[in-house]
Every structure is written in C-alpha cells, then in structure tokens.
C-alpha cells in the first residue's frame, strides 16, 4: 500500500482501492482495438460496476471517453457532477418526473417506447430545445426496445415531436456465454438493416452502437461509430468463453486487461479457539485443532456473498486464510492459525493482490455460482472508495 493510500484509509475498517493507472490502461487498450473514428462510451452504471461512480467518471473523462453510460436518473446527477463536460447516455427507463429532473441537452436518452417519447417531447418543448435521443432496437434480446420494422416510424415520430434523433442502438443476447456466435451475427444483420431504415427516414446518425465489451474485443464488424465498454473497462474478461473466443480467433494472448479494484479490511479481533469447537451461526464449522481466528468487519451487507461461507479465502501477509463458519451480515471469520504474524489491525485483502498472492472477482464468482459482474456490482456503496 502506498503512503497516500495508507494515510487516507488509516481511519477505515474496510475500503475499496481504485487504480487510476489500471483504468486508464484499459481505456487505452480499447482505443487501440477500435478504429480511430469509433467513439468509446464508458459504462458507469451500477455505481461504475461497484467501483464508485464519483471516482470513476472523472477518470474516464480524463482518459478520453466520449460518453458515459448510466442506467438510472440518480446516476445521471452523480455523473454530471463528477464529469460535467462529458455527455451522458441514460440506458434505462425514466419516469416523466425523472425526465424533468435530470434530462438536458447533454443528457442523451435511449428511447425504447412511445410513452417515454411523449414525456421527452413534452420536456423538450418546455426547454425550447431538441433533446437528443438514441433509438433502442430489439434485435432478439427481447427486453427493451422496438422491433426493427418499427424503428423508422419511431424515429419519424420522435423528430416530428421536436426531438433530435442522434443515435440508434441494440444489445447482444448471446455473445459472452458461448463460443458459437451465430445468433450474435444474426442480431448484427438485423441491426444493420434497422440502421439503414432509420437513416433513410431521418438522415445520417452520429451515434450507432451495439458493441459491449465482448463485441469490442472480438468483432470489428460491431464497431459502427461507438462501442460501449463495461466490465472490461474495469479489467475483467466478460466470461471464460469470451477469452477462449479471443484465443480461437487470434491464436495468442494479446490483450492484457488490468483489474482496477482491490477490497481491503482490517482485522478487528484475534481469537484463540480450542479444538472441536463450533464457529459462527448454525455451527457449520468445527475446529479440528487449536485454532487462531481473525474476525473481519465485513459481511454480506457489504457485498461479500453468504455463499462463500466455509468456501472463500482472504489474504493476509501474502498468505491465504480460509473463511470458516457462515458469512454474517457484517462479519466474517478466517483461520490464521498458519499465519502466526497476523495481529489486530492488519490489512486483509478480500479482492486483489497481496504480494504474490491474488484473489480475483472471478474466483469469488465461481465459488458463489454467479458472475464477476455481480460480485463487483453488489459491493456496498457505503464502503469508501479511494483512488490510488
């Protein structure tokens, strides 16, 4: 831990470190992958995938991101304060009241329905400006958006009601969880046809985008005029299948994503437990020898999954300490019998590197039966984020 980080976290029981260098390196990597005239939207929804929207947004802006992508109205307000000169795209549903509260000419809205169109048009008339919208085309994911055959009509309706149709977007349904990308290319063809129909109706569009991190890594056919980089902005492959697809396509490991986030906590107490004693709720673990336990002040309320009970591990002094007993709401217990130098106040690593040892979000996800996205996104927003 560097001196500045140590000073800033001296009063914390747990905290999350965000590496400025790693985030900017990942942004530069995508800048080299996509064509020079393809913009990059940094996806900072879900509190920047758990990394901290207030901390990440200005780093993305400084690193040259052309737009920030959020989901909810509250995120718009935080993003605008953190990076006031970078346009924001709202990709989720907004109520009429939220549209009035947060939408202005620098806030683009992903337009998925006629009801949102009506609310945006009314707000646009009140402001006396043509608010920018991106049409969401449902090419086969079957969640947000309109069918490709309705896209041109929606574009014309938006323009007739005073909105500025500046973009069109879609979302892949099956690009990360497979090495068979036939469905993704079917969606890509549907999207290209929808873009052509919209542009024939309202003219050339500035922002055409469908690529997520996986597509931006794998398929130059999906670049168009903007890519949306989410999970890989934070240094993680979207899935094992995406990584394998890269190796199958390019035959080499040429992409070095750098994880941005580390999660630390201080040892709150050391306890000496006799052999054959239970630990934690439900008596799910019993010691087999005299055991030294470190109690850490984090639990499932902080985002450490309860499913890691008796399965996870943390790092202390560069060595692994297994989680014993059930993960509690605010506390976990780890066995430090074989790390005798551990003392109260020492720093444990829940995600990240300690010396040569590392615990990844992917490891926790696999043990928990979920994905790295969820592990990161569910980290408590109340845990302090420190940019290192």
Protein backbone atom coordinates (compact mmCIF):
# COMPACT_ATOMS: atom_id res chain seq x y z
CA UNK A 1 0.00 0.00 0.00
CA UNK A 2 1.44 3.40 -0.97
CA UNK A 3 1.87 6.16 1.60
CA UNK A 4 -1.04 8.27 0.36
CA UNK A 5 -3.44 5.31 0.40
CA UNK A 6 -2.29 4.30 3.87
CA UNK A 7 -2.89 7.83 5.13
CA UNK A 8 -6.34 8.12 3.52
CA UNK A 9 -7.51 4.74 4.86
CA UNK A 10 -5.97 5.00 8.34
CA UNK A 11 -9.37 5.51 9.94
CA UNK A 12 -11.27 2.92 7.91
CA UNK A 13 -12.25 -0.61 8.89
CA UNK A 14 -12.73 -1.58 5.25
CA UNK A 15 -12.29 0.21 1.94
CA UNK A 16 -12.02 -0.26 -1.82
CA UNK A 17 -8.99 0.88 -3.80
CA UNK A 18 -9.42 2.02 -7.41
CA UNK A 19 -6.29 2.01 -9.55
CA UNK A 20 -6.17 5.07 -11.77
CA UNK A 21 -3.35 3.59 -13.87
CA UNK A 22 -5.18 0.32 -14.49
CA UNK A 23 -8.40 2.02 -15.55
CA UNK A 24 -6.62 4.38 -17.93
CA UNK A 25 -4.59 1.49 -19.35
CA UNK A 26 -7.80 -0.42 -20.11
CA UNK A 27 -9.25 2.64 -21.83
CA UNK A 28 -6.09 2.98 -23.94
CA UNK A 29 -6.29 -0.68 -24.84
CA UNK A 30 -9.77 -0.28 -26.32
CA UNK A 31 -8.65 2.85 -28.09
CA UNK A 32 -6.07 0.71 -29.91
CA UNK A 33 -8.59 -2.04 -30.71
CA UNK A 34 -11.34 0.05 -32.31
CA UNK A 35 -10.88 2.35 -35.32
CA UNK A 36 -9.78 5.93 -34.63
CA UNK A 37 -13.16 7.34 -35.65
CA UNK A 38 -15.13 4.96 -33.38
CA UNK A 39 -16.11 6.62 -30.11
CA UNK A 40 -15.93 4.90 -26.72
CA UNK A 41 -18.79 5.03 -24.25
CA UNK A 42 -17.62 4.14 -20.74
CA UNK A 43 -20.39 2.25 -18.97
CA UNK A 44 -20.53 3.52 -15.39
CA UNK A 45 -23.95 2.22 -14.37
CA UNK A 46 -24.40 0.19 -11.16
CA UNK A 47 -22.06 2.57 -9.31
CA UNK A 48 -19.45 2.00 -12.03
CA UNK A 49 -19.79 -1.77 -11.60
CA UNK A 50 -19.18 -1.32 -7.90
CA UNK A 51 -16.05 0.76 -8.39
CA UNK A 52 -17.66 4.07 -7.43
CA UNK A 53 -19.34 6.37 -9.95
CA UNK A 54 -18.00 9.55 -8.38
CA UNK A 55 -14.44 8.22 -8.55
CA UNK A 56 -14.56 6.52 -11.94
CA UNK A 57 -16.45 9.09 -14.05
CA UNK A 58 -13.75 11.82 -13.88
CA UNK A 59 -11.05 9.23 -14.64
CA UNK A 60 -12.97 8.11 -17.74
CA UNK A 61 -13.39 11.71 -18.84
CA UNK A 62 -9.70 12.41 -18.32
CA UNK A 63 -8.86 9.23 -20.24
CA UNK A 64 -10.76 10.37 -23.30
CA UNK A 65 -14.08 8.55 -23.02
CA UNK A 66 -16.52 10.22 -25.43
CA UNK A 67 -19.65 9.48 -23.41
CA UNK A 68 -20.70 7.95 -20.09
CA UNK A 69 -23.41 5.30 -19.91
CA UNK A 70 -25.72 5.07 -16.89
CA UNK A 71 -28.99 3.30 -16.17
CA UNK A 72 -30.95 5.42 -13.71
CA UNK A 73 -31.85 9.05 -13.05
CA UNK A 74 -29.85 9.22 -9.80
CA UNK A 75 -26.76 8.13 -11.70
CA UNK A 76 -27.21 10.98 -14.18
CA UNK A 77 -26.91 13.53 -11.42
CA UNK A 78 -23.77 11.97 -9.97
CA UNK A 79 -22.13 11.58 -13.39
CA UNK A 80 -22.85 15.18 -14.36
CA UNK A 81 -21.29 16.46 -11.14
CA UNK A 82 -18.26 14.20 -11.48
CA UNK A 83 -17.62 14.79 -15.20
CA UNK A 84 -19.64 17.86 -16.25
CA UNK A 85 -18.15 18.15 -19.75
CA UNK A 86 -18.79 14.57 -20.84
CA UNK A 87 -22.21 13.71 -22.34
CA UNK A 88 -24.26 11.04 -20.57
CA UNK A 89 -26.46 8.37 -22.13
CA UNK A 90 -29.30 7.08 -19.93
CA UNK A 91 -29.92 3.48 -20.94
CA UNK A 92 -32.73 2.62 -18.51
CA UNK A 93 -36.38 3.60 -18.11
CA UNK A 94 -37.15 7.12 -16.89
CA UNK A 95 -40.47 8.30 -15.49
CA UNK A 96 -41.86 11.67 -16.68
CA UNK A 97 -40.85 13.23 -13.35
CA UNK A 98 -37.31 11.93 -13.71
CA UNK A 99 -37.11 13.23 -17.25
CA UNK A 100 -37.99 16.70 -15.99
CA UNK A 101 -35.44 16.45 -13.19
CA UNK A 102 -32.33 15.19 -14.99
CA UNK A 103 -32.60 15.46 -18.78
CA UNK A 104 -30.97 18.40 -20.57
CA UNK A 105 -29.24 18.78 -23.96
CA UNK A 106 -26.11 16.98 -22.67
CA UNK A 107 -28.11 14.02 -21.40
CA UNK A 108 -28.95 11.58 -24.17
CA UNK A 109 -31.83 9.14 -23.62
CA UNK A 110 -32.12 5.63 -25.01
CA UNK A 111 -35.63 5.71 -26.42
CA UNK A 112 -37.42 2.39 -26.09
CA UNK A 113 -41.13 3.20 -26.09
CA UNK A 114 -43.79 5.65 -27.23
CA UNK A 115 -44.64 6.63 -23.66
CA UNK A 116 -41.09 7.79 -22.98
CA UNK A 117 -41.13 9.59 -26.34
CA UNK A 118 -44.20 11.58 -25.27
CA UNK A 119 -42.65 12.56 -21.93
CA UNK A 120 -39.38 13.58 -23.59
CA UNK A 121 -41.18 15.59 -26.24
CA UNK A 122 -43.15 17.50 -23.62
CA UNK A 123 -39.96 18.26 -21.69
CA UNK A 124 -38.23 19.28 -24.91
CA UNK A 125 -40.99 21.80 -25.65
CA UNK A 126 -40.75 23.25 -22.14
CA UNK A 127 -37.00 23.72 -22.52
CA UNK A 128 -37.24 25.01 -26.08
CA UNK A 129 -34.50 22.68 -27.31
CA UNK A 130 -34.37 19.45 -29.29
CA UNK A 131 -33.29 16.84 -26.77
CA UNK A 132 -31.02 14.07 -28.12
CA UNK A 133 -32.35 10.51 -28.27
CA UNK A 134 -30.93 7.16 -29.37
CA UNK A 135 -33.48 4.65 -30.61
CA UNK A 136 -33.24 1.23 -28.92
CA UNK A 137 -33.79 -1.58 -31.42
CA UNK A 138 -34.68 -5.03 -30.08
CA UNK A 139 -32.82 -7.35 -32.44
CA UNK A 140 -33.51 -10.51 -30.44
CA UNK A 141 -32.77 -9.98 -26.76
CA UNK A 142 -36.46 -9.29 -26.14
CA UNK A 143 -36.19 -6.79 -23.34
CA UNK A 144 -36.01 -3.04 -24.03
CA UNK A 145 -36.59 -1.57 -27.45
CA UNK A 146 -38.82 -1.73 -30.51
CA UNK A 147 -38.72 -4.34 -33.30
CA UNK A 148 -36.50 -3.44 -36.28
CA UNK A 149 -39.54 -2.99 -38.54
CA UNK A 150 -40.89 -0.25 -36.24
CA UNK A 151 -37.65 1.68 -35.91
CA UNK A 152 -38.12 4.10 -38.80
CA UNK A 153 -41.62 5.02 -37.67
CA UNK A 154 -40.41 5.69 -34.14
CA UNK A 155 -37.59 7.85 -35.50
CA UNK A 156 -40.01 9.91 -37.58
CA UNK A 157 -42.39 10.31 -34.65
CA UNK A 158 -39.54 11.49 -32.42
CA UNK A 159 -38.37 14.03 -34.98
CA UNK A 160 -41.90 15.27 -35.66
CA UNK A 161 -42.33 15.94 -31.93
CA UNK A 162 -39.19 18.03 -31.75
CA UNK A 163 -36.60 15.55 -30.55
CA UNK A 164 -33.15 15.18 -32.11
CA UNK A 165 -32.66 11.61 -33.29
CA UNK A 166 -28.88 11.36 -32.99
CA UNK A 167 -28.33 7.64 -32.46
CA UNK A 168 -29.54 4.09 -32.71
CA UNK A 169 -28.53 1.17 -30.51
CA UNK A 170 -29.10 -2.50 -29.79
CA UNK A 171 -27.84 -5.15 -27.37
CA UNK A 172 -26.48 -8.65 -27.92
CA UNK A 173 -28.25 -11.56 -26.24
CA UNK A 174 -25.68 -14.33 -26.55
CA UNK A 175 -22.19 -13.06 -27.16
CA UNK A 176 -20.50 -13.73 -23.80
CA UNK A 177 -21.74 -17.17 -22.74
CA UNK A 178 -20.76 -19.10 -25.85
CA UNK A 179 -18.09 -19.57 -28.48
CA UNK A 180 -20.81 -20.03 -31.11
CA UNK A 181 -21.66 -16.51 -32.28
CA UNK A 182 -24.21 -17.30 -34.98
CA UNK A 183 -27.01 -15.62 -33.03
CA UNK A 184 -24.89 -12.54 -32.43
CA UNK A 185 -24.23 -12.20 -36.14
CA UNK A 186 -27.94 -12.66 -36.84
CA UNK A 187 -28.62 -9.78 -34.47
CA UNK A 188 -25.88 -7.77 -36.15
CA UNK A 189 -27.54 -8.20 -39.55
CA UNK A 190 -30.91 -7.19 -38.12
CA UNK A 191 -29.32 -4.15 -36.53
CA UNK A 192 -27.59 -3.07 -39.75
CA UNK A 193 -30.91 -3.30 -41.60
CA UNK A 194 -32.64 -1.24 -38.88
CA UNK A 195 -29.92 1.41 -39.00
CA UNK A 196 -30.35 1.68 -42.77
CA UNK A 197 -34.11 2.10 -42.44
CA UNK A 198 -33.78 4.77 -39.75
CA UNK A 199 -31.16 6.71 -41.69
CA UNK A 200 -33.31 6.58 -44.80
CA UNK A 201 -36.11 8.16 -42.75
CA UNK A 202 -34.27 10.83 -40.75
CA UNK A 203 -30.79 11.10 -42.24
CA UNK A 204 -27.28 10.23 -41.09
CA UNK A 205 -26.89 9.34 -37.39
CA UNK A 206 -23.88 10.35 -35.31
CA UNK A 207 -24.06 7.56 -32.73
CA UNK A 208 -24.57 3.98 -33.94
CA UNK A 209 -23.71 1.39 -31.31
CA UNK A 210 -24.35 -2.21 -30.35
CA UNK A 211 -20.95 -3.48 -29.16
CA UNK A 212 -20.48 -4.37 -25.49
CA UNK A 213 -17.08 -5.31 -24.05
CA UNK A 214 -17.15 -8.79 -25.60
CA UNK A 215 -18.03 -7.48 -29.06
CA UNK A 216 -15.49 -4.66 -28.80
CA UNK A 217 -12.84 -7.26 -28.02
CA UNK A 218 -13.82 -9.82 -30.65
CA UNK A 219 -15.71 -8.34 -33.60
CA UNK A 220 -14.69 -5.32 -35.64
CA UNK A 221 -17.95 -5.78 -37.57
CA UNK A 222 -19.77 -4.46 -34.48
CA UNK A 223 -17.76 -1.24 -34.08
CA UNK A 224 -20.00 1.16 -36.05
CA UNK A 225 -19.47 4.69 -34.71
CA UNK A 226 -19.34 3.87 -30.97
CA UNK A 227 -18.68 0.93 -28.66
CA UNK A 228 -19.94 0.57 -25.08
CA UNK A 229 -17.24 -0.77 -22.79
CA UNK A 230 -18.40 -2.00 -19.39
CA UNK A 231 -16.89 -4.94 -17.50
CA UNK A 232 -13.61 -4.85 -19.41
CA UNK A 233 -13.12 -1.16 -18.67
CA UNK A 234 -12.59 -2.40 -15.12
CA UNK A 235 -10.06 -5.03 -16.17
CA UNK A 236 -12.19 -8.18 -16.43
CA UNK A 237 -13.00 -10.51 -19.29
CA UNK A 238 -16.78 -10.76 -19.71
CA UNK A 239 -16.56 -14.55 -19.42
CA UNK A 240 -14.26 -17.52 -19.90
CA UNK A 241 -15.97 -18.10 -23.25
CA UNK A 242 -15.07 -14.59 -24.41
CA UNK A 243 -11.44 -15.21 -23.50
CA UNK A 244 -11.48 -18.56 -25.29
CA UNK A 245 -13.08 -16.93 -28.33
CA UNK A 246 -10.23 -14.43 -28.38
CA UNK A 247 -7.65 -17.24 -28.31
CA UNK A 248 -9.51 -19.20 -31.01
CA UNK A 249 -9.76 -16.13 -33.24
CA UNK A 250 -6.29 -14.68 -32.77
CA UNK A 251 -4.24 -17.60 -31.50
CA UNK A 252 -2.43 -15.54 -28.91
CA UNK A 253 -2.91 -13.79 -25.62
CA UNK A 254 -2.57 -10.25 -26.93
CA UNK A 255 -4.98 -8.43 -24.61
CA UNK A 256 -3.83 -7.59 -21.10
CA UNK A 257 -6.77 -6.30 -19.08
CA UNK A 258 -5.77 -4.84 -15.72
CA UNK A 259 -8.18 -5.28 -12.77
CA UNK A 260 -8.94 -1.87 -11.30
CA UNK A 261 -10.44 -2.75 -7.92
CA UNK A 262 -8.99 -4.09 -4.67
CA UNK A 263 -11.04 -4.61 -1.49
CA UNK A 264 -9.36 -4.46 1.92
CA UNK A 265 -10.46 -4.81 5.54
CA UNK A 266 -8.71 -4.60 8.89
CA UNK A 267 -8.55 -7.46 11.33
CA UNK A 268 -10.90 -6.42 14.11
CA UNK A 269 -10.11 -9.15 16.63
CA UNK A 270 -7.96 -12.26 17.11
CA UNK A 271 -9.49 -15.21 18.95
CA UNK A 272 -7.95 -18.44 20.20
CA UNK A 273 -10.38 -21.36 19.78
CA UNK A 274 -9.93 -24.84 21.21
CA UNK A 275 -10.20 -27.98 19.10
CA UNK A 276 -13.66 -29.37 18.31
CA UNK A 277 -15.38 -26.02 18.91
CA UNK A 278 -18.07 -24.59 16.54
CA UNK A 279 -17.63 -21.26 14.78
CA UNK A 280 -20.45 -18.98 13.65
CA UNK A 281 -24.17 -19.29 13.04
CA UNK A 282 -25.60 -22.75 12.54
CA UNK A 283 -22.43 -24.41 13.90
CA UNK A 284 -21.47 -25.19 10.30
CA UNK A 285 -17.74 -25.36 11.04
CA UNK A 286 -15.90 -27.11 13.86
CA UNK A 287 -12.21 -26.75 14.55
CA UNK A 288 -10.03 -29.85 14.29
CA UNK A 289 -7.12 -28.36 16.24
CA UNK A 290 -6.42 -25.37 18.47
CA UNK A 291 -7.25 -22.59 16.03
CA UNK A 292 -6.46 -18.91 15.72
CA UNK A 293 -9.32 -16.92 14.19
CA UNK A 294 -9.23 -13.38 12.76
CA UNK A 295 -12.54 -11.54 12.74
CA UNK A 296 -13.01 -9.11 9.83
CA UNK A 297 -15.68 -6.35 9.91
CA UNK A 298 -17.29 -7.14 6.54
CA UNK A 299 -20.17 -9.42 5.58
CA UNK A 300 -22.92 -9.95 3.08
CA UNK A 301 -24.35 -6.47 3.74
CA UNK A 302 -21.06 -5.14 2.34
CA UNK A 303 -21.23 -7.39 -0.70
CA UNK A 304 -19.27 -10.43 0.48
CA UNK A 305 -21.58 -13.28 -0.60
CA UNK A 306 -23.04 -15.55 2.06
CA UNK A 307 -22.45 -18.41 -0.37
CA UNK A 308 -18.72 -18.07 0.41
CA UNK A 309 -19.34 -19.49 3.89
CA UNK A 310 -16.67 -22.15 4.53
CA UNK A 311 -15.52 -21.68 0.92
CA UNK A 312 -13.88 -18.30 0.41
CA UNK A 313 -10.43 -17.09 1.36
CA UNK A 314 -8.77 -13.77 2.09
CA UNK A 315 -5.11 -12.79 2.00
CA UNK A 316 -3.04 -11.72 4.99
CA UNK A 317 0.71 -11.13 4.83
CA UNK A 318 0.69 -12.64 1.35
CA UNK A 319 -0.86 -15.93 2.50
CA UNK A 320 -4.35 -17.37 2.18
CA UNK A 321 -6.67 -17.51 5.19
CA UNK A 322 -9.82 -19.61 4.62
CA UNK A 323 -13.24 -18.33 5.61
CA UNK A 324 -14.64 -20.51 8.41
CA UNK A 325 -18.24 -20.54 9.53
CA UNK A 326 -21.09 -18.70 7.91
CA UNK A 327 -20.62 -15.27 6.40
CA UNK A 328 -22.60 -12.95 8.66
CA UNK A 329 -24.33 -9.71 7.75
CA UNK A 330 -21.39 -7.60 8.96
CA UNK A 331 -18.62 -10.05 9.89
CA UNK A 332 -16.58 -12.95 8.55
CA UNK A 333 -14.15 -15.20 10.38
CA UNK A 334 -10.95 -16.52 8.82
CA UNK A 335 -8.46 -19.12 10.02
CA UNK A 336 -5.00 -17.58 10.56
CA UNK A 337 -3.50 -20.43 12.56
CA UNK A 338 -0.84 -20.92 9.89
CA UNK A 339 -0.13 -17.18 9.60
CA UNK A 340 1.11 -16.54 13.15
CA UNK A 341 2.27 -12.98 12.44
CA UNK A 342 -1.30 -11.70 11.96
CA UNK A 343 -2.27 -9.08 14.53
CA UNK A 344 -5.32 -6.95 15.21
CA UNK A 345 -5.39 -4.01 12.79
CA UNK A 346 -3.56 -5.86 9.99
CA UNK A 347 -4.96 -5.38 6.49
CA UNK A 348 -6.68 -8.31 4.80
CA UNK A 349 -7.35 -8.45 1.05
CA UNK A 350 -10.75 -9.76 0.01
CA UNK A 351 -10.31 -8.96 -3.69
CA UNK A 352 -6.95 -8.05 -5.16
CA UNK A 353 -3.27 -8.74 -4.70
CA UNK A 354 -1.13 -9.13 -1.59
CA UNK A 355 2.46 -9.87 -2.55
CA UNK A 356 2.46 -12.75 -5.00
CA UNK A 357 -0.97 -13.98 -3.92
CA UNK A 358 -4.20 -12.80 -5.51
CA UNK A 359 -7.95 -13.28 -5.01
CA UNK A 360 -9.98 -12.34 -8.08
CA UNK A 361 -13.60 -11.38 -8.56
CA UNK A 362 -13.77 -14.36 -10.91
CA UNK A 363 -12.70 -16.74 -8.12
CA UNK A 364 -15.37 -15.42 -5.78
CA UNK A 365 -17.96 -15.59 -8.57
CA UNK A 366 -17.17 -19.21 -9.39
CA UNK A 367 -17.33 -20.23 -5.73
CA UNK A 368 -20.62 -18.34 -5.37
CA UNK A 369 -22.24 -19.72 -8.51
CA UNK A 370 -22.53 -16.32 -10.18
CA UNK A 371 -20.56 -13.99 -12.48
CA UNK A 372 -17.86 -11.40 -11.89
CA UNK A 373 -20.33 -8.63 -12.80
CA UNK A 374 -22.49 -9.45 -9.77
CA UNK A 375 -19.60 -9.74 -7.33
CA UNK A 376 -18.40 -6.26 -8.29
CA UNK A 377 -21.76 -4.53 -8.71
CA UNK A 378 -23.02 -5.64 -5.29
CA UNK A 379 -20.15 -4.11 -3.33
CA UNK A 380 -21.73 -1.71 -0.87
CA UNK A 381 -21.86 1.93 -1.99
CA UNK A 382 -21.25 2.84 1.66
CA UNK A 383 -17.74 1.37 1.58
CA UNK A 384 -15.27 4.16 0.92
CA UNK A 385 -13.57 4.17 -2.48
CA UNK A 386 -10.03 5.53 -2.66
CA UNK A 387 -8.34 6.29 -5.99
CA UNK A 388 -4.73 5.09 -5.86
